[in-house]
Amino acid sequence: MDYRFILTERHGRVAIVRLNRPERLNALSMPLVHELYEAFDRFNADGDIGAIILTGQGRAFCAGLDVQEAPDPGPAAAGEPGAFARSCAGST
């Protein structure tokens, strides 16, 4: 499967998922997170995969959330612990 923000490979029973935004130190964006979910779902459904390694391309594993691309959690969520994470995951 082709992804835009991650790279995947398989070595026997081991799957490798590599964050691939080295110019942003692999900071998490919504499209990247969606690709991660898709890749992990695909590898978890494969009974031949025994382990998944998550790593990053370039000089950093992950700089955290890319605040320039983060969704606005809205005024109702201001100050509520976990509201921002839920807005990124798409849950309420």
PDB file of N, CA and C in Angstrom:
ATOM      1  N   MET A   1       0.836  -1.176   0.000  1.00  0.00           N
ATOM      2  CA  MET A   1       0.000   0.000   0.000  1.00  0.00           C
ATOM      3  C   MET A   1       0.885   1.245   0.000  1.00  0.00           C
ATOM      4  N   ASP A   2       0.475   2.251  -0.743  1.00  0.00           N
ATOM      5  CA  ASP A   2       1.240   3.498  -0.819  1.00  0.00           C
ATOM      6  C   ASP A   2       0.699   4.506   0.179  1.00  0.00           C
ATOM      7  N   TYR A   3       1.595   5.104   0.933  1.00  0.00           N
ATOM      8  CA  TYR A   3       1.260   6.147   1.895  1.00  0.00           C
ATOM      9  C   TYR A   3       2.047   7.397   1.550  1.00  0.00           C
ATOM     10  N   ARG A   4       1.571   8.511   2.027  1.00  0.00           N
ATOM     11  CA  ARG A   4       2.249   9.780   1.766  1.00  0.00           C
ATOM     12  C   ARG A   4       3.190  10.174   2.907  1.00  0.00           C
ATOM     13  N   PHE A   5       2.804   9.877   4.161  1.00  0.00           N
ATOM     14  CA  PHE A   5       3.551  10.369   5.318  1.00  0.00           C
ATOM     15  C   PHE A   5       4.221   9.281   6.148  1.00  0.00           C
ATOM     16  N   ILE A   6       4.055   8.025   5.758  1.00  0.00           N
ATOM     17  CA  ILE A   6       4.747   6.930   6.441  1.00  0.00           C
ATOM     18  C   ILE A   6       5.312   5.981   5.391  1.00  0.00           C
ATOM     19  N   LEU A   7       6.297   5.215   5.808  1.00  0.00           N
ATOM     20  CA  LEU A   7       6.850   4.139   4.990  1.00  0.00           C
ATOM     21  C   LEU A   7       6.620   2.842   5.743  1.00  0.00           C
ATOM     22  N   THR A   8       6.281   1.780   5.041  1.00  0.00           N
ATOM     23  CA  THR A   8       6.113   0.486   5.686  1.00  0.00           C
ATOM     24  C   THR A   8       6.957  -0.540   4.966  1.00  0.00           C
ATOM     25  N   GLU A   9       7.427  -1.495   5.727  1.00  0.00           N
ATOM     26  CA  GLU A   9       8.164  -2.616   5.167  1.00  0.00           C
ATOM     27  C   GLU A   9       7.933  -3.837   6.045  1.00  0.00           C
ATOM     28  N   ARG A  10       8.260  -4.954   5.501  1.00  0.00           N
ATOM     29  CA  ARG A  10       8.045  -6.206   6.212  1.00  0.00           C
ATOM     30  C   ARG A  10       9.287  -7.065   6.060  1.00  0.00           C
ATOM     31  N   HIS A  11       9.733  -7.616   7.185  1.00  0.00           N
ATOM     32  CA  HIS A  11      10.889  -8.517   7.201  1.00  0.00           C
ATOM     33  C   HIS A  11      10.460  -9.760   7.967  1.00  0.00           C
ATOM     34  N   GLY A  12      10.030 -10.772   7.234  1.00  0.00           N
ATOM     35  CA  GLY A  12       9.527 -11.980   7.890  1.00  0.00           C
ATOM     36  C   GLY A  12       8.284 -11.657   8.704  1.00  0.00           C
ATOM     37  N   ARG A  13       8.329 -11.926  10.008  1.00  0.00           N
ATOM     38  CA  ARG A  13       7.189 -11.685  10.893  1.00  0.00           C
ATOM     39  C   ARG A  13       7.207 -10.290  11.520  1.00  0.00           C
ATOM     40  N   VAL A  14       8.144  -9.447  11.102  1.00  0.00           N
ATOM     41  CA  VAL A  14       8.282  -8.108  11.669  1.00  0.00           C
ATOM     42  C   VAL A  14       7.878  -7.057  10.642  1.00  0.00           C
ATOM     43  N   ALA A  15       6.962  -6.176  11.043  1.00  0.00           N
ATOM     44  CA  ALA A  15       6.568  -5.035  10.214  1.00  0.00           C
ATOM     45  C   ALA A  15       7.250  -3.796  10.774  1.00  0.00           C
ATOM     46  N   ILE A  16       7.706  -2.940   9.885  1.00  0.00           N
ATOM     47  CA  ILE A  16       8.323  -1.674  10.297  1.00  0.00           C
ATOM     48  C   ILE A  16       7.480  -0.546   9.728  1.00  0.00           C
ATOM     49  N   VAL A  17       7.071   0.356  10.601  1.00  0.00           N
ATOM     50  CA  VAL A  17       6.336   1.556  10.208  1.00  0.00           C
ATOM     51  C   VAL A  17       7.238   2.731  10.533  1.00  0.00           C
ATOM     52  N   ARG A  18       7.558   3.528   9.510  1.00  0.00           N
ATOM     53  CA  ARG A  18       8.509   4.630   9.671  1.00  0.00           C
ATOM     54  C   ARG A  18       7.807   5.958   9.377  1.00  0.00           C
ATOM     55  N   LEU A  19       7.771   6.852  10.381  1.00  0.00           N
ATOM     56  CA  LEU A  19       7.239   8.198  10.158  1.00  0.00           C
ATOM     57  C   LEU A  19       8.112   8.862   9.106  1.00  0.00           C
ATOM     58  N   ASN A  20       7.508   9.514   8.117  1.00  0.00           N
ATOM     59  CA  ASN A  20       8.287  10.023   6.990  1.00  0.00           C
ATOM     60  C   ASN A  20       7.965  11.490   6.700  1.00  0.00           C
ATOM     61  N   ARG A  21       8.215  12.334   7.688  1.00  0.00           N
ATOM     62  CA  ARG A  21       8.151  13.787   7.506  1.00  0.00           C
ATOM     63  C   ARG A  21       9.439  14.385   8.096  1.00  0.00           C
ATOM     64  N   PRO A  22      10.608  13.977   7.592  1.00  0.00           N
ATOM     65  CA  PRO A  22      11.861  14.418   8.217  1.00  0.00           C
ATOM     66  C   PRO A  22      12.045  15.933   8.205  1.00  0.00           C
ATOM     67  N   GLU A  23      11.455  16.614   7.218  1.00  0.00           N
ATOM     68  CA  GLU A  23      11.584  18.080   7.166  1.00  0.00           C
ATOM     69  C   GLU A  23      10.853  18.756   8.322  1.00  0.00           C
ATOM     70  N   ARG A  24       9.903  18.056   8.969  1.00  0.00           N
ATOM     71  CA  ARG A  24       9.155  18.563  10.133  1.00  0.00           C
ATOM     72  C   ARG A  24       9.504  17.751  11.380  1.00  0.00           C
ATOM     73  N   LEU A  25      10.654  17.073  11.354  1.00  0.00           N
ATOM     74  CA  LEU A  25      11.097  16.202  12.441  1.00  0.00           C
ATOM     75  C   LEU A  25      10.039  15.166  12.791  1.00  0.00           C
ATOM     76  N   ASN A  26       9.309  14.721  11.763  1.00  0.00           N
ATOM     77  CA  ASN A  26       8.269  13.698  11.890  1.00  0.00           C
ATOM     78  C   ASN A  26       7.147  14.100  12.836  1.00  0.00           C
ATOM     79  N   ALA A  27       6.879  15.391  12.924  1.00  0.00           N
ATOM     80  CA  ALA A  27       5.777  15.870  13.766  1.00  0.00           C
ATOM     81  C   ALA A  27       4.457  15.286  13.263  1.00  0.00           C
ATOM     82  N   LEU A  28       3.576  14.974  14.197  1.00  0.00           N
ATOM     83  CA  LEU A  28       2.303  14.342  13.868  1.00  0.00           C
ATOM     84  C   LEU A  28       1.302  15.343  13.306  1.00  0.00           C
ATOM     85  N   SER A  29       0.733  14.986  12.171  1.00  0.00           N
ATOM     86  CA  SER A  29      -0.353  15.747  11.561  1.00  0.00           C
ATOM     87  C   SER A  29      -1.544  14.796  11.450  1.00  0.00           C
ATOM     88  N   MET A  30      -2.721  15.322  11.196  1.00  0.00           N
ATOM     89  CA  MET A  30      -3.897  14.462  11.068  1.00  0.00           C
ATOM     90  C   MET A  30      -3.734  13.437   9.948  1.00  0.00           C
ATOM     91  N   PRO A  31      -3.277  13.829   8.750  1.00  0.00           N
ATOM     92  CA  PRO A  31      -3.101  12.811   7.700  1.00  0.00           C
ATOM     93  C   PRO A  31      -2.111  11.713   8.095  1.00  0.00           C
ATOM     94  N   LEU A  32      -1.034  12.090   8.780  1.00  0.00           N
ATOM     95  CA  LEU A  32      -0.061  11.090   9.217  1.00  0.00           C
ATOM     96  C   LEU A  32      -0.692  10.147  10.235  1.00  0.00           C
ATOM     97  N   VAL A  33      -1.451  10.678  11.179  1.00  0.00           N
ATOM     98  CA  VAL A  33      -2.108   9.844  12.197  1.00  0.00           C
ATOM     99  C   VAL A  33      -3.092   8.879  11.536  1.00  0.00           C
ATOM    100  N   HIS A  34      -3.845   9.347  10.553  1.00  0.00           N
ATOM    101  CA  HIS A  34      -4.775   8.465   9.840  1.00  0.00           C
ATOM    102  C   HIS A  34      -4.025   7.343   9.128  1.00  0.00           C
ATOM    103  N   GLU A  35      -2.886   7.658   8.537  1.00  0.00           N
ATOM    104  CA  GLU A  35      -2.081   6.628   7.885  1.00  0.00           C
ATOM    105  C   GLU A  35      -1.551   5.621   8.899  1.00  0.00           C
ATOM    106  N   LEU A  36      -1.151   6.103  10.082  1.00  0.00           N
ATOM    107  CA  LEU A  36      -0.690   5.193  11.130  1.00  0.00           C
ATOM    108  C   LEU A  36      -1.791   4.220  11.525  1.00  0.00           C
ATOM    109  N   TYR A  37      -2.998   4.743  11.757  1.00  0.00           N
ATOM    110  CA  TYR A  37      -4.127   3.873  12.106  1.00  0.00           C
ATOM    111  C   TYR A  37      -4.339   2.807  11.033  1.00  0.00           C
ATOM    112  N   GLU A  38      -4.323   3.224   9.780  1.00  0.00           N
ATOM    113  CA  GLU A  38      -4.550   2.295   8.679  1.00  0.00           C
ATOM    114  C   GLU A  38      -3.474   1.221   8.621  1.00  0.00           C
ATOM    115  N   ALA A  39      -2.211   1.625   8.741  1.00  0.00           N
ATOM    116  CA  ALA A  39      -1.109   0.665   8.678  1.00  0.00           C
ATOM    117  C   ALA A  39      -1.137  -0.295   9.863  1.00  0.00           C
ATOM    118  N   PHE A  40      -1.384   0.222  11.075  1.00  0.00           N
ATOM    119  CA  PHE A  40      -1.435  -0.648  12.246  1.00  0.00           C
ATOM    120  C   PHE A  40      -2.621  -1.604  12.155  1.00  0.00           C
ATOM    121  N   ASP A  41      -3.779  -1.138  11.675  1.00  0.00           N
ATOM    122  CA  ASP A  41      -4.931  -2.030  11.486  1.00  0.00           C
ATOM    123  C   ASP A  41      -4.585  -3.148  10.502  1.00  0.00           C
ATOM    124  N   ARG A  42      -3.932  -2.776   9.406  1.00  0.00           N
ATOM    125  CA  ARG A  42      -3.565  -3.763   8.385  1.00  0.00           C
ATOM    126  C   ARG A  42      -2.593  -4.799   8.949  1.00  0.00           C
ATOM    127  N   PHE A  43      -1.560  -4.348   9.658  1.00  0.00           N
ATOM    128  CA  PHE A  43      -0.584  -5.290  10.200  1.00  0.00           C
ATOM    129  C   PHE A  43      -1.173  -6.117  11.346  1.00  0.00           C
ATOM    130  N   ASN A  44      -2.031  -5.522  12.176  1.00  0.00           N
ATOM    131  CA  ASN A  44      -2.664  -6.273  13.260  1.00  0.00           C
ATOM    132  C   ASN A  44      -3.576  -7.363  12.731  1.00  0.00           C
ATOM    133  N   ALA A  45      -4.183  -7.150  11.581  1.00  0.00           N
ATOM    134  CA  ALA A  45      -5.082  -8.139  10.988  1.00  0.00           C
ATOM    135  C   ALA A  45      -4.320  -9.283  10.313  1.00  0.00           C
ATOM    136  N   ASP A  46      -3.038  -9.097  10.104  1.00  0.00           N
ATOM    137  CA  ASP A  46      -2.198 -10.107   9.445  1.00  0.00           C
ATOM    138  C   ASP A  46      -1.634 -11.058  10.498  1.00  0.00           C
ATOM    139  N   GLY A  47      -2.135 -12.280  10.516  1.00  0.00           N
ATOM    140  CA  GLY A  47      -1.698 -13.261  11.502  1.00  0.00           C
ATOM    141  C   GLY A  47      -0.236 -13.661  11.375  1.00  0.00           C
ATOM    142  N   ASP A  48       0.391 -13.355  10.256  1.00  0.00           N
ATOM    143  CA  ASP A  48       1.803 -13.687  10.064  1.00  0.00           C
ATOM    144  C   ASP A  48       2.740 -12.644  10.671  1.00  0.00           C
ATOM    145  N   ILE A  49       2.204 -11.505  11.099  1.00  0.00           N
ATOM    146  CA  ILE A  49       3.023 -10.459  11.728  1.00  0.00           C
ATOM    147  C   ILE A  49       3.059 -10.702  13.233  1.00  0.00           C
ATOM    148  N   GLY A  50       4.261 -10.786  13.782  1.00  0.00           N
ATOM    149  CA  GLY A  50       4.427 -11.021  15.213  1.00  0.00           C
ATOM    150  C   GLY A  50       4.821  -9.780  15.986  1.00  0.00           C
ATOM    151  N   ALA A  51       5.351  -8.765  15.290  1.00  0.00           N
ATOM    152  CA  ALA A  51       5.770  -7.533  15.951  1.00  0.00           C
ATOM    153  C   ALA A  51       5.721  -6.379  14.953  1.00  0.00           C
ATOM    154  N   ILE A  52       5.442  -5.198  15.489  1.00  0.00           N
ATOM    155  CA  ILE A  52       5.454  -3.979  14.680  1.00  0.00           C
ATOM    156  C   ILE A  52       6.422  -3.008  15.335  1.00  0.00           C
ATOM    157  N   ILE A  53       7.361  -2.516  14.563  1.00  0.00           N
ATOM    158  CA  ILE A  53       8.328  -1.529  15.052  1.00  0.00           C
ATOM    159  C   ILE A  53       7.928  -0.173  14.491  1.00  0.00           C
ATOM    160  N   LEU A  54       7.819   0.819  15.365  1.00  0.00           N
ATOM    161  CA  LEU A  54       7.527   2.191  14.954  1.00  0.00           C
ATOM    162  C   LEU A  54       8.796   3.010  15.119  1.00  0.00           C
ATOM    163  N   THR A  55       9.217   3.674  14.041  1.00  0.00           N
ATOM    164  CA  THR A  55      10.437   4.464  14.055  1.00  0.00           C
ATOM    165  C   THR A  55      10.237   5.701  13.189  1.00  0.00           C
ATOM    166  N   GLY A  56      11.256   6.528  13.105  1.00  0.00           N
ATOM    167  CA  GLY A  56      11.155   7.750  12.317  1.00  0.00           C
ATOM    168  C   GLY A  56      12.266   7.851  11.287  1.00  0.00           C
ATOM    169  N   GLN A  57      11.972   8.504  10.180  1.00  0.00           N
ATOM    170  CA  GLN A  57      12.943   8.753   9.113  1.00  0.00           C
ATOM    171  C   GLN A  57      13.737  10.010   9.465  1.00  0.00           C
ATOM    172  N   GLY A  58      15.022   9.997   9.210  1.00  0.00           N
ATOM    173  CA  GLY A  58      15.836  11.185   9.451  1.00  0.00           C
ATOM    174  C   GLY A  58      16.388  11.256  10.861  1.00  0.00           C
ATOM    175  N   ARG A  59      16.644  12.461  11.333  1.00  0.00           N
ATOM    176  CA  ARG A  59      17.361  12.637  12.591  1.00  0.00           C
ATOM    177  C   ARG A  59      16.494  12.636  13.841  1.00  0.00           C
ATOM    178  N   ALA A  60      15.168  12.558  13.698  1.00  0.00           N
ATOM    179  CA  ALA A  60      14.293  12.566  14.873  1.00  0.00           C
ATOM    180  C   ALA A  60      13.245  11.476  14.748  1.00  0.00           C
ATOM    181  N   PHE A  61      12.891  10.885  15.887  1.00  0.00           N
ATOM    182  CA  PHE A  61      11.795   9.924  15.881  1.00  0.00           C
ATOM    183  C   PHE A  61      10.482  10.666  15.627  1.00  0.00           C
ATOM    184  N   CYS A  62      10.148  11.612  16.508  1.00  0.00           N
ATOM    185  CA  CYS A  62       8.903  12.369  16.371  1.00  0.00           C
ATOM    186  C   CYS A  62       8.978  13.583  17.287  1.00  0.00           C
ATOM    187  N   ALA A  63       8.752  14.756  16.722  1.00  0.00           N
ATOM    188  CA  ALA A  63       8.815  15.993  17.494  1.00  0.00           C
ATOM    189  C   ALA A  63       7.517  16.270  18.254  1.00  0.00           C
ATOM    190  N   GLY A  64       6.539  15.378  18.138  1.00  0.00           N
ATOM    191  CA  GLY A  64       5.254  15.575  18.801  1.00  0.00           C
ATOM    192  C   GLY A  64       4.220  16.076  17.814  1.00  0.00           C
ATOM    193  N   LEU A  65       3.234  16.782  18.325  1.00  0.00           N
ATOM    194  CA  LEU A  65       2.147  17.289  17.492  1.00  0.00           C
ATOM    195  C   LEU A  65       2.613  18.476  16.663  1.00  0.00           C
ATOM    196  N   ASP A  66       2.272  18.476  15.391  1.00  0.00           N
ATOM    197  CA  ASP A  66       2.561  19.609  14.522  1.00  0.00           C
ATOM    198  C   ASP A  66       1.466  20.650  14.773  1.00  0.00           C
ATOM    199  N   VAL A  67       1.748  21.632  15.624  1.00  0.00           N
ATOM    200  CA  VAL A  67       0.723  22.597  16.032  1.00  0.00           C
ATOM    201  C   VAL A  67       0.271  23.486  14.878  1.00  0.00           C
ATOM    202  N   GLN A  68       1.071  23.586  13.822  1.00  0.00           N
ATOM    203  CA  GLN A  68       0.657  24.372  12.658  1.00  0.00           C
ATOM    204  C   GLN A  68      -0.449  23.674  11.878  1.00  0.00           C
ATOM    205  N   GLU A  69      -0.587  22.366  12.049  1.00  0.00           N
ATOM    206  CA  GLU A  69      -1.604  21.613  11.332  1.00  0.00           C
ATOM    207  C   GLU A  69      -2.651  21.008  12.253  1.00  0.00           C
ATOM    208  N   ALA A  70      -2.598  21.328  13.548  1.00  0.00           N
ATOM    209  CA  ALA A  70      -3.521  20.735  14.516  1.00  0.00           C
ATOM    210  C   ALA A  70      -4.924  21.295  14.358  1.00  0.00           C
ATOM    211  N   PRO A  71      -5.935  20.439  14.555  1.00  0.00           N
ATOM    212  CA  PRO A  71      -7.310  20.925  14.482  1.00  0.00           C
ATOM    213  C   PRO A  71      -7.643  21.815  15.670  1.00  0.00           C
ATOM    214  N   ASP A  72      -8.572  22.719  15.486  1.00  0.00           N
ATOM    215  CA  ASP A  72      -9.034  23.584  16.562  1.00  0.00           C
ATOM    216  C   ASP A  72     -10.057  22.818  17.386  1.00  0.00           C
ATOM    217  N   PRO A  73      -9.792  22.556  18.681  1.00  0.00           N
ATOM    218  CA  PRO A  73     -10.726  21.777  19.479  1.00  0.00           C
ATOM    219  C   PRO A  73     -12.007  22.536  19.821  1.00  0.00           C
ATOM    220  N   GLY A  74     -12.038  23.841  19.551  1.00  0.00           N
ATOM    221  CA  GLY A  74     -13.242  24.623  19.794  1.00  0.00           C
ATOM    222  C   GLY A  74     -13.289  25.180  21.206  1.00  0.00           C
ATOM    223  N   PRO A  75     -14.107  26.198  21.410  1.00  0.00           N
ATOM    224  CA  PRO A  75     -14.160  26.847  22.721  1.00  0.00           C
ATOM    225  C   PRO A  75     -14.734  25.963  23.818  1.00  0.00           C
ATOM    226  N   ALA A  76     -15.604  25.016  23.484  1.00  0.00           N
ATOM    227  CA  ALA A  76     -16.195  24.159  24.511  1.00  0.00           C
ATOM    228  C   ALA A  76     -15.155  23.258  25.157  1.00  0.00           C
ATOM    229  N   ALA A  77     -14.086  22.943  24.438  1.00  0.00           N
ATOM    230  CA  ALA A  77     -13.068  22.031  24.950  1.00  0.00           C
ATOM    231  C   ALA A  77     -11.930  22.759  25.660  1.00  0.00           C
ATOM    232  N   ALA A  78     -11.946  24.080  25.661  1.00  0.00           N
ATOM    233  CA  ALA A  78     -10.848  24.842  26.270  1.00  0.00           C
ATOM    234  C   ALA A  78     -10.693  24.473  27.740  1.00  0.00           C
ATOM    235  N   GLY A  79      -9.512  24.075  28.110  1.00  0.00           N
ATOM    236  CA  GLY A  79      -9.210  23.760  29.497  1.00  0.00           C
ATOM    237  C   GLY A  79      -9.645  22.371  29.931  1.00  0.00           C
ATOM    238  N   GLU A  80     -10.312  21.623  29.092  1.00  0.00           N
ATOM    239  CA  GLU A  80     -10.746  20.271  29.468  1.00  0.00           C
ATOM    240  C   GLU A  80      -9.616  19.290  29.188  1.00  0.00           C
ATOM    241  N   PRO A  81      -9.117  18.578  30.219  1.00  0.00           N
ATOM    242  CA  PRO A  81      -8.034  17.633  29.992  1.00  0.00           C
ATOM    243  C   PRO A  81      -8.430  16.575  28.963  1.00  0.00           C
ATOM    244  N   GLY A  82      -7.546  16.336  28.024  1.00  0.00           N
ATOM    245  CA  GLY A  82      -7.770  15.314  27.019  1.00  0.00           C
ATOM    246  C   GLY A  82      -8.612  15.749  25.833  1.00  0.00           C
ATOM    247  N   ALA A  83      -9.188  16.950  25.866  1.00  0.00           N
ATOM    248  CA  ALA A  83     -10.072  17.393  24.778  1.00  0.00           C
ATOM    249  C   ALA A  83      -9.311  17.509  23.469  1.00  0.00           C
ATOM    250  N   PHE A  84      -8.093  18.021  23.529  1.00  0.00           N
ATOM    251  CA  PHE A  84      -7.328  18.191  22.297  1.00  0.00           C
ATOM    252  C   PHE A  84      -6.986  16.844  21.684  1.00  0.00           C
ATOM    253  N   ALA A  85      -6.575  15.882  22.512  1.00  0.00           N
ATOM    254  CA  ALA A  85      -6.249  14.547  22.005  1.00  0.00           C
ATOM    255  C   ALA A  85      -7.471  13.897  21.376  1.00  0.00           C
ATOM    256  N   ARG A  86      -8.638  14.049  22.011  1.00  0.00           N
ATOM    257  CA  ARG A  86      -9.857  13.474  21.442  1.00  0.00           C
ATOM    258  C   ARG A  86     -10.200  14.130  20.127  1.00  0.00           C
ATOM    259  N   SER A  87      -9.973  15.446  20.003  1.00  0.00           N
ATOM    260  CA  SER A  87     -10.289  16.113  18.746  1.00  0.00           C
ATOM    261  C   SER A  87      -9.372  15.616  17.634  1.00  0.00           C
ATOM    262  N   CYS A  88      -8.130  15.284  17.960  1.00  0.00           N
ATOM    263  CA  CYS A  88      -7.203  14.756  16.963  1.00  0.00           C
ATOM    264  C   CYS A  88      -7.610  13.349  16.545  1.00  0.00           C
ATOM    265  N   ALA A  89      -8.122  12.574  17.498  1.00  0.00           N
ATOM    266  CA  ALA A  89      -8.522  11.198  17.198  1.00  0.00           C
ATOM    267  C   ALA A  89      -9.895  11.125  16.554  1.00  0.00           C
ATOM    268  N   GLY A  90     -10.645  12.238  16.591  1.00  0.00           N
ATOM    269  CA  GLY A  90     -11.949  12.269  15.960  1.00  0.00           C
ATOM    270  C   GLY A  90     -13.058  11.738  16.831  1.00  0.00           C
ATOM    271  N   SER A  91     -12.786  11.536  18.129  1.00  0.00           N
ATOM    272  CA  SER A  91     -13.846  11.048  19.025  1.00  0.00           C
ATOM    273  C   SER A  91     -14.394  12.195  19.852  1.00  0.00           C
ATOM    274  N   THR A  92     -15.527  11.944  20.505  1.00  0.00           N
ATOM    275  CA  THR A  92     -16.156  12.966  21.351  1.00  0.00           C
ATOM    276  C   THR A  92     -16.123  12.578  22.792  1.00  0.00           C
TER     277      THR A  92
END
